[in-house]
Amino acid sequence: MAAELDNVYSRTIGTLDENDVRYLRSIVRAQRALEAAGRCTIQFGRSRPARVAGVLALAAAKILDNLEIGHNVLHGQYDWAKDPHLHSDSYEWDTILPARLWRYQHNFVHHVYANIYGLDENLRAGPIRLSVQQPWQPHHIAGPLLLLATAPIAELAIALHAADEIGRGSTSSDLKSTPKRLRQDILLKAARQAAKDLVLFPLLSGRRAGDTLIANSSALVLRNLWIFAISLCNHYPEDVTVFNQDVLENETRGQRYVRQIRGAANIEGSRMLHILAGHFTHHIEHHLFPDVPSSRYREISYQVRNICERYGIPYTTASFPAQIASAFRNLCALALPPNGRKSFARRSRRHESGDWR
């Protein structure tokens, strides 16, 4: 199985060409056009429908910047193109968390230790219980409500989570920096983002500063809600597996592939959904091949799914509404005491430490 997946990867990498770069540049142009149109409509639109359209355009621009452009560029998917504007080392995105810190915490910590309890920071969320391995506490009952409350400010929540991870001492030495300096970087980036969206553009609106502040804030909230929803669908449905740390003992390449497949979930939908989700709709393919351009995931997904079926590896995929519902059932079940969980969810998220070896 590992050899077959390696072959899928090498064939795909071998066919990358200017068309792949041209695709991303078209997305960048669309993102810039949406941002310009959104900001102009918010600034100068007189009618309520026009301002609503401006909010939607600005939110779409921020979503494209964060997901289809920023996330994928920061994975090094276009480093081979030698374009400094699309290179992971020089790219900076329109969000609070500095790109260099995200590259470490996401590209390394999350992807290398995907869905391993105690190592993958996506399974640590303060008072929210995200796996059966985490001992249940009474305050976990409020976890789903707390999670919903943080959805509108997901950008800030991610930055605070990163700062907390820095406090654990898990990033400073790897980034050749100090915890104090990394926290300063986060605060500085947050100040720049707030100055742009919440101060500069409202002030440029003169008497309509309040309306522009509300519109810009609305666009940020819509962006955060969308990223929150996509993340839920990718990481927390019922059929996604959480592993114990013993899977790392003598883990072979094939076993690592299985862990990446079982620790992710796909979303079925239209081409527009794929683009607006940054192709996180093919989360399994992304975890298998994170440096392959995201626009290639759809074509290789058929090959990956066929390989999974032939080797008896479950391939988790469903529609957007179905994955949202599954994730909420799972998180609500995890929030309940162990003896009250079975009645709420079809199945609890389980761990597999050796049955596929």
Protein backbone atom coordinates (compact mmCIF):
# COMPACT_ATOMS: atom_id res chain seq x y z
CA MET A 1 0.00 0.00 0.00
CA ALA A 2 2.81 2.39 0.87
CA ALA A 3 4.47 1.71 -2.48
CA GLU A 4 1.24 2.44 -4.34
CA LEU A 5 0.68 5.71 -2.49
CA ASP A 6 4.32 6.66 -3.05
CA ASN A 7 3.73 6.05 -6.74
CA VAL A 8 0.66 8.34 -6.73
CA TYR A 9 2.76 11.05 -5.11
CA SER A 10 5.75 10.73 -7.46
CA ARG A 11 3.55 10.69 -10.56
CA THR A 12 1.71 13.81 -9.42
CA ILE A 13 4.86 15.72 -8.48
CA GLY A 14 6.40 14.74 -11.83
CA THR A 15 3.58 16.40 -13.78
CA LEU A 16 3.53 19.76 -12.00
CA ASP A 17 3.93 22.61 -14.48
CA GLU A 18 3.05 26.21 -15.23
CA ASN A 19 -0.65 25.38 -15.30
CA ASP A 20 -0.57 24.72 -11.55
CA VAL A 21 1.05 28.09 -10.87
CA ARG A 22 -1.34 29.77 -13.29
CA TYR A 23 -4.27 28.37 -11.33
CA LEU A 24 -3.04 29.81 -8.04
CA ARG A 25 -2.27 33.17 -9.61
CA SER A 26 -5.84 33.28 -10.92
CA ILE A 27 -7.07 32.66 -7.36
CA VAL A 28 -4.80 35.47 -6.11
CA ARG A 29 -6.25 37.84 -8.72
CA ALA A 30 -9.79 36.83 -7.76
CA GLN A 31 -8.98 37.34 -4.08
CA ARG A 32 -7.59 40.84 -4.71
CA ALA A 33 -10.55 41.77 -6.89
CA LEU A 34 -13.00 40.59 -4.22
CA GLU A 35 -11.18 42.53 -1.53
CA ALA A 36 -11.08 45.72 -3.60
CA ALA A 37 -14.74 45.39 -4.57
CA GLY A 38 -15.76 44.59 -1.01
CA ARG A 39 -13.89 47.50 0.55
CA CYS A 40 -15.07 49.98 -2.08
CA THR A 41 -18.68 48.84 -1.71
CA ILE A 42 -18.46 49.08 2.08
CA GLN A 43 -16.84 52.51 1.88
CA PHE A 44 -19.08 54.06 -0.77
CA GLY A 45 -22.22 51.90 -0.99
CA ARG A 46 -25.35 53.79 -0.01
CA SER A 47 -27.95 51.05 0.15
CA ARG A 48 -28.11 48.23 2.67
CA PRO A 49 -28.02 45.48 -0.03
CA ALA A 50 -24.87 47.05 -1.47
CA ARG A 51 -23.15 47.05 1.91
CA VAL A 52 -24.22 43.46 2.55
CA ALA A 53 -22.71 42.53 -0.82
CA GLY A 54 -19.53 44.33 0.24
CA VAL A 55 -19.36 42.35 3.47
CA LEU A 56 -19.79 39.06 1.59
CA ALA A 57 -17.13 40.00 -0.95
CA LEU A 58 -14.64 40.99 1.76
CA ALA A 59 -15.37 37.82 3.73
CA ALA A 60 -14.83 35.70 0.59
CA ALA A 61 -11.53 37.49 -0.06
CA LYS A 62 -10.31 36.74 3.45
CA ILE A 63 -11.41 33.11 3.17
CA LEU A 64 -9.50 32.66 -0.09
CA ASP A 65 -6.44 34.36 1.40
CA ASN A 66 -6.43 32.10 4.46
CA LEU A 67 -7.39 28.75 2.92
CA GLU A 68 -6.82 28.30 -0.81
CA ILE A 69 -3.84 30.68 -0.92
CA GLY A 70 -2.19 31.13 2.47
CA HIS A 71 -2.54 27.68 3.99
CA ASN A 72 -1.43 25.92 0.80
CA VAL A 73 1.45 28.28 0.01
CA LEU A 74 2.73 27.94 3.59
CA HIS A 75 2.84 24.18 3.09
CA GLY A 76 5.42 24.76 0.36
CA GLN A 77 3.08 23.54 -2.38
CA TYR A 78 4.49 26.11 -4.81
CA ASP A 79 8.10 26.45 -3.61
CA TRP A 80 9.23 24.60 -6.76
CA ALA A 81 7.93 27.53 -8.89
CA LYS A 82 10.66 29.83 -7.46
CA ASP A 83 8.15 32.69 -7.20
CA PRO A 84 8.99 34.80 -4.10
CA HIS A 85 5.33 35.84 -3.80
CA LEU A 86 4.24 32.19 -3.58
CA HIS A 87 7.11 30.79 -1.51
CA SER A 88 6.52 29.42 1.98
CA ASP A 89 9.56 31.20 3.43
CA SER A 90 8.46 34.69 2.39
CA TYR A 91 4.67 34.54 2.34
CA GLU A 92 2.67 36.33 5.04
CA TRP A 93 -1.09 36.02 5.26
CA ASP A 94 -4.04 38.13 6.36
CA THR A 95 -4.59 36.71 9.83
CA ILE A 96 -3.33 37.27 13.37
CA LEU A 97 -0.97 34.30 13.66
CA PRO A 98 2.47 34.95 12.12
CA ALA A 99 3.22 32.64 9.19
CA ARG A 100 6.48 31.24 10.61
CA LEU A 101 4.78 30.14 13.83
CA TRP A 102 1.89 28.59 11.91
CA ARG A 103 4.31 26.66 9.68
CA TYR A 104 5.85 25.05 12.74
CA GLN A 105 2.70 24.32 14.73
CA HIS A 106 0.59 23.18 11.78
CA ASN A 107 3.01 21.78 9.21
CA PHE A 108 5.19 20.00 11.75
CA VAL A 109 3.36 19.39 15.03
CA HIS A 110 -0.06 18.68 13.56
CA HIS A 111 0.89 16.88 10.35
CA VAL A 112 3.73 14.77 11.72
CA TYR A 113 1.83 13.76 14.86
CA ALA A 114 -1.62 13.78 13.26
CA ASN A 115 -4.33 12.67 15.70
CA ILE A 116 -1.96 11.29 18.30
CA TYR A 117 -3.29 12.11 21.74
CA GLY A 118 -0.80 14.14 23.76
CA LEU A 119 1.24 15.21 20.73
CA ASP A 120 -1.18 16.70 18.18
CA GLU A 121 -2.16 20.14 19.46
CA ASN A 122 -5.47 19.88 17.57
CA LEU A 123 -6.52 17.52 20.36
CA ARG A 124 -5.80 20.12 23.05
CA ALA A 125 -8.41 22.83 23.50
CA GLY A 126 -8.44 23.80 27.17
CA PRO A 127 -11.81 22.92 28.75
CA ILE A 128 -13.13 21.17 25.61
CA ARG A 129 -12.82 17.37 25.47
CA LEU A 130 -11.76 16.22 22.00
CA SER A 131 -10.92 12.53 22.43
CA VAL A 132 -11.85 9.50 24.52
CA GLN A 133 -8.27 9.31 25.78
CA GLN A 134 -8.72 12.61 27.63
CA PRO A 135 -10.05 11.93 31.15
CA TRP A 136 -13.58 13.27 31.57
CA GLN A 137 -14.16 16.17 33.96
CA PRO A 138 -17.48 17.80 34.94
CA HIS A 139 -16.59 21.08 33.23
CA HIS A 140 -16.39 19.24 29.89
CA ILE A 141 -20.20 19.33 29.76
CA ALA A 142 -20.02 22.98 28.74
CA GLY A 143 -17.43 22.24 26.04
CA PRO A 144 -19.71 22.24 22.97
CA LEU A 145 -21.32 25.54 24.01
CA LEU A 146 -17.89 27.07 24.63
CA LEU A 147 -16.75 25.84 21.23
CA LEU A 148 -19.73 27.51 19.55
CA ALA A 149 -19.06 30.71 21.49
CA THR A 150 -15.47 30.86 20.18
CA ALA A 151 -16.49 30.26 16.54
CA PRO A 152 -17.04 33.97 15.69
CA ILE A 153 -13.56 34.76 17.06
CA ALA A 154 -11.81 31.65 15.75
CA GLU A 155 -8.87 33.71 14.48
CA LEU A 156 -8.21 35.04 17.98
CA ALA A 157 -8.78 31.63 19.55
CA ILE A 158 -6.17 30.07 17.26
CA ALA A 159 -3.66 32.78 18.17
CA LEU A 160 -4.31 32.35 21.90
CA HIS A 161 -3.92 28.60 21.52
CA ALA A 162 -0.57 29.17 19.79
CA ALA A 163 0.53 31.43 22.64
CA ASP A 164 -0.46 28.72 25.12
CA GLU A 165 1.59 26.14 23.21
CA ILE A 166 4.55 28.51 23.36
CA GLY A 167 4.08 28.58 27.13
CA ARG A 168 4.51 24.79 27.16
CA GLY A 169 7.97 25.29 25.69
CA SER A 170 7.13 23.25 22.61
CA THR A 171 8.04 25.78 19.94
CA SER A 172 10.61 28.35 21.04
CA SER A 173 13.78 26.30 20.57
CA ASP A 174 12.57 24.81 17.28
CA LEU A 175 11.95 28.30 15.88
CA LYS A 176 15.27 29.58 17.26
CA SER A 177 13.44 32.22 19.26
CA THR A 178 12.27 32.82 22.81
CA PRO A 179 8.71 32.48 24.10
CA LYS A 180 8.71 36.20 24.85
CA ARG A 181 9.74 37.07 21.29
CA LEU A 182 7.14 34.74 19.78
CA ARG A 183 4.39 36.25 21.92
CA GLN A 184 5.56 39.72 20.88
CA ASP A 185 5.31 38.62 17.23
CA ILE A 186 1.71 37.50 17.79
CA LEU A 187 0.77 40.75 19.55
CA LEU A 188 2.43 42.85 16.84
CA LYS A 189 0.68 40.96 14.06
CA ALA A 190 -2.66 41.23 15.89
CA ALA A 191 -2.16 44.98 16.32
CA ARG A 192 -1.43 45.41 12.60
CA GLN A 193 -4.50 43.39 11.62
CA ALA A 194 -6.76 45.33 14.00
CA ALA A 195 -5.31 48.66 12.86
CA LYS A 196 -6.11 47.84 9.25
CA ASP A 197 -9.62 46.43 9.53
CA LEU A 198 -10.94 48.08 12.67
CA VAL A 199 -9.22 51.48 12.65
CA LEU A 200 -7.77 52.59 9.29
CA PHE A 201 -10.64 51.75 6.93
CA PRO A 202 -13.36 52.98 9.34
CA LEU A 203 -11.48 56.29 9.73
CA LEU A 204 -11.28 56.63 5.96
CA SER A 205 -15.09 56.47 5.90
CA GLY A 206 -15.44 59.72 7.82
CA ARG A 207 -18.97 60.07 9.18
CA ARG A 208 -19.76 56.49 8.22
CA ALA A 209 -16.90 55.11 10.33
CA GLY A 210 -19.32 53.19 12.54
CA ASP A 211 -21.01 51.50 9.59
CA THR A 212 -17.64 50.52 8.10
CA LEU A 213 -16.46 49.16 11.45
CA ILE A 214 -19.59 46.99 11.69
CA ALA A 215 -19.19 45.81 8.07
CA ASN A 216 -15.51 44.94 8.47
CA SER A 217 -16.20 43.16 11.75
CA SER A 218 -19.01 41.21 10.08
CA ALA A 219 -16.67 40.09 7.31
CA LEU A 220 -14.16 38.88 9.92
CA VAL A 221 -16.88 36.97 11.78
CA LEU A 222 -18.11 35.30 8.58
CA ARG A 223 -14.54 34.28 7.73
CA ASN A 224 -14.06 32.84 11.22
CA LEU A 225 -17.36 30.94 11.15
CA TRP A 226 -16.48 29.38 7.80
CA ILE A 227 -13.00 28.27 8.89
CA PHE A 228 -14.49 26.93 12.14
CA ALA A 229 -17.07 24.87 10.21
CA ILE A 230 -14.51 23.45 7.76
CA SER A 231 -12.16 22.53 10.61
CA LEU A 232 -14.95 20.69 12.42
CA CYS A 233 -15.75 18.68 9.29
CA ASN A 234 -12.09 17.77 8.75
CA HIS A 235 -11.00 16.78 12.22
CA TYR A 236 -13.85 15.76 14.51
CA PRO A 237 -16.50 13.54 12.80
CA GLU A 238 -17.37 10.28 14.55
CA ASP A 239 -15.46 8.04 12.14
CA VAL A 240 -12.15 9.87 12.57
CA THR A 241 -9.64 7.95 14.72
CA VAL A 242 -7.55 9.26 17.62
CA PHE A 243 -4.37 7.26 18.31
CA ASN A 244 -2.25 6.62 21.37
CA GLN A 245 1.44 7.49 21.32
CA ASP A 246 2.50 3.85 21.08
CA VAL A 247 1.68 3.91 17.34
CA LEU A 248 4.97 5.75 16.84
CA GLU A 249 7.01 2.78 18.03
CA ASN A 250 8.69 1.41 14.90
CA GLU A 251 5.97 3.00 12.76
CA THR A 252 6.50 2.04 9.12
CA ARG A 253 5.73 4.30 6.17
CA GLY A 254 2.62 2.28 5.41
CA GLN A 255 1.41 2.54 8.99
CA ARG A 256 2.01 6.27 8.91
CA TYR A 257 -0.10 6.51 5.75
CA VAL A 258 -2.90 4.60 7.49
CA ARG A 259 -2.74 6.95 10.47
CA GLN A 260 -3.00 9.98 8.19
CA ILE A 261 -5.98 8.46 6.36
CA ARG A 262 -7.83 7.39 9.52
CA GLY A 263 -7.14 10.72 11.24
CA ALA A 264 -8.79 12.89 8.58
CA ALA A 265 -12.20 13.32 6.95
CA ASN A 266 -13.25 14.57 3.51
CA ILE A 267 -16.21 16.70 2.46
CA GLU A 268 -18.19 16.05 -0.70
CA GLY A 269 -19.46 19.03 -2.67
CA SER A 270 -19.21 21.36 -5.64
CA ARG A 271 -16.07 22.85 -7.18
CA MET A 272 -16.87 26.18 -5.53
CA LEU A 273 -17.01 24.48 -2.13
CA HIS A 274 -13.61 22.87 -2.80
CA ILE A 275 -12.07 26.26 -3.62
CA LEU A 276 -13.64 28.18 -0.72
CA ALA A 277 -12.53 25.40 1.63
CA GLY A 278 -8.95 25.58 0.37
CA HIS A 279 -9.47 22.01 -0.87
CA PHE A 280 -9.68 20.91 2.76
CA THR A 281 -12.60 19.02 1.27
CA HIS A 282 -9.88 16.50 0.36
CA HIS A 283 -8.36 16.46 3.81
CA ILE A 284 -7.24 12.84 3.53
CA GLU A 285 -5.24 13.56 0.37
CA HIS A 286 -3.83 16.69 2.00
CA HIS A 287 -2.56 14.73 5.00
CA LEU A 288 -1.03 12.12 2.75
CA PHE A 289 0.65 14.65 0.42
CA PRO A 290 0.72 18.10 2.10
CA ASP A 291 3.20 19.60 -0.39
CA VAL A 292 1.17 18.65 -3.49
CA PRO A 293 -0.75 21.67 -4.88
CA SER A 294 -4.29 21.54 -3.52
CA SER A 295 -5.87 21.81 -6.97
CA ARG A 296 -4.52 18.30 -7.69
CA TYR A 297 -6.26 16.65 -4.74
CA ARG A 298 -9.51 15.99 -6.57
CA GLU A 299 -7.84 14.03 -9.37
CA ILE A 300 -5.73 11.91 -7.01
CA SER A 301 -8.61 11.32 -4.59
CA TYR A 302 -10.04 8.65 -6.90
CA GLN A 303 -6.73 6.78 -6.82
CA VAL A 304 -6.37 7.11 -3.05
CA ARG A 305 -9.93 5.92 -2.43
CA ASN A 306 -9.41 2.93 -4.72
CA ILE A 307 -6.24 1.97 -2.86
CA CYS A 308 -8.03 2.29 0.49
CA GLU A 309 -10.88 0.06 -0.69
CA ARG A 310 -8.51 -2.63 -1.96
CA TYR A 311 -6.56 -2.70 1.31
CA GLY A 312 -9.62 -2.45 3.56
CA ILE A 313 -8.77 0.98 4.99
CA PRO A 314 -11.87 3.07 5.86
CA TYR A 315 -12.06 6.29 3.80
CA THR A 316 -14.14 8.85 5.69
CA THR A 317 -16.16 11.15 3.43
CA ALA A 318 -19.65 12.69 3.47
CA SER A 319 -21.53 15.83 2.51
CA PHE A 320 -20.91 19.13 4.31
CA PRO A 321 -24.14 18.95 6.38
CA ALA A 322 -23.52 15.30 7.26
CA GLN A 323 -19.97 15.98 8.47
CA ILE A 324 -21.08 19.00 10.53
CA ALA A 325 -23.78 16.90 12.17
CA SER A 326 -21.37 14.02 12.79
CA ALA A 327 -18.77 16.33 14.37
CA PHE A 328 -21.31 17.91 16.72
CA ARG A 329 -22.68 14.52 17.73
CA ASN A 330 -19.17 13.36 18.49
CA LEU A 331 -18.20 16.45 20.50
CA CYS A 332 -21.47 16.38 22.46
CA ALA A 333 -20.95 12.70 23.22
CA LEU A 334 -17.42 13.37 24.43
CA ALA A 335 -18.74 16.13 26.69
CA LEU A 336 -21.05 13.72 28.52
CA PRO A 337 -20.02 11.41 31.35
CA PRO A 338 -18.84 8.04 29.95
CA ASN A 339 -21.97 6.19 31.15
CA GLY A 340 -24.27 8.64 29.34
CA ARG A 341 -22.44 8.80 26.05
CA LYS A 342 -23.87 5.86 24.12
CA SER A 343 -27.33 7.34 23.84
CA PHE A 344 -26.05 10.50 22.19
CA ALA A 345 -23.73 9.36 19.41
CA ARG A 346 -23.61 6.44 17.00
CA ARG A 347 -20.08 5.69 18.09
CA SER A 348 -17.36 7.38 20.11
CA ARG A 349 -14.12 8.40 18.48
CA ARG A 350 -11.89 5.42 19.10
CA HIS A 351 -8.17 4.83 18.97
CA GLU A 352 -6.33 2.17 17.07
CA SER A 353 -2.88 1.37 18.34
CA GLY A 354 -2.04 -1.92 16.73
CA ASP A 355 -4.90 -3.75 14.98
CA TRP A 356 -3.84 -2.55 11.54
CA ARG A 357 -0.16 -3.41 11.98
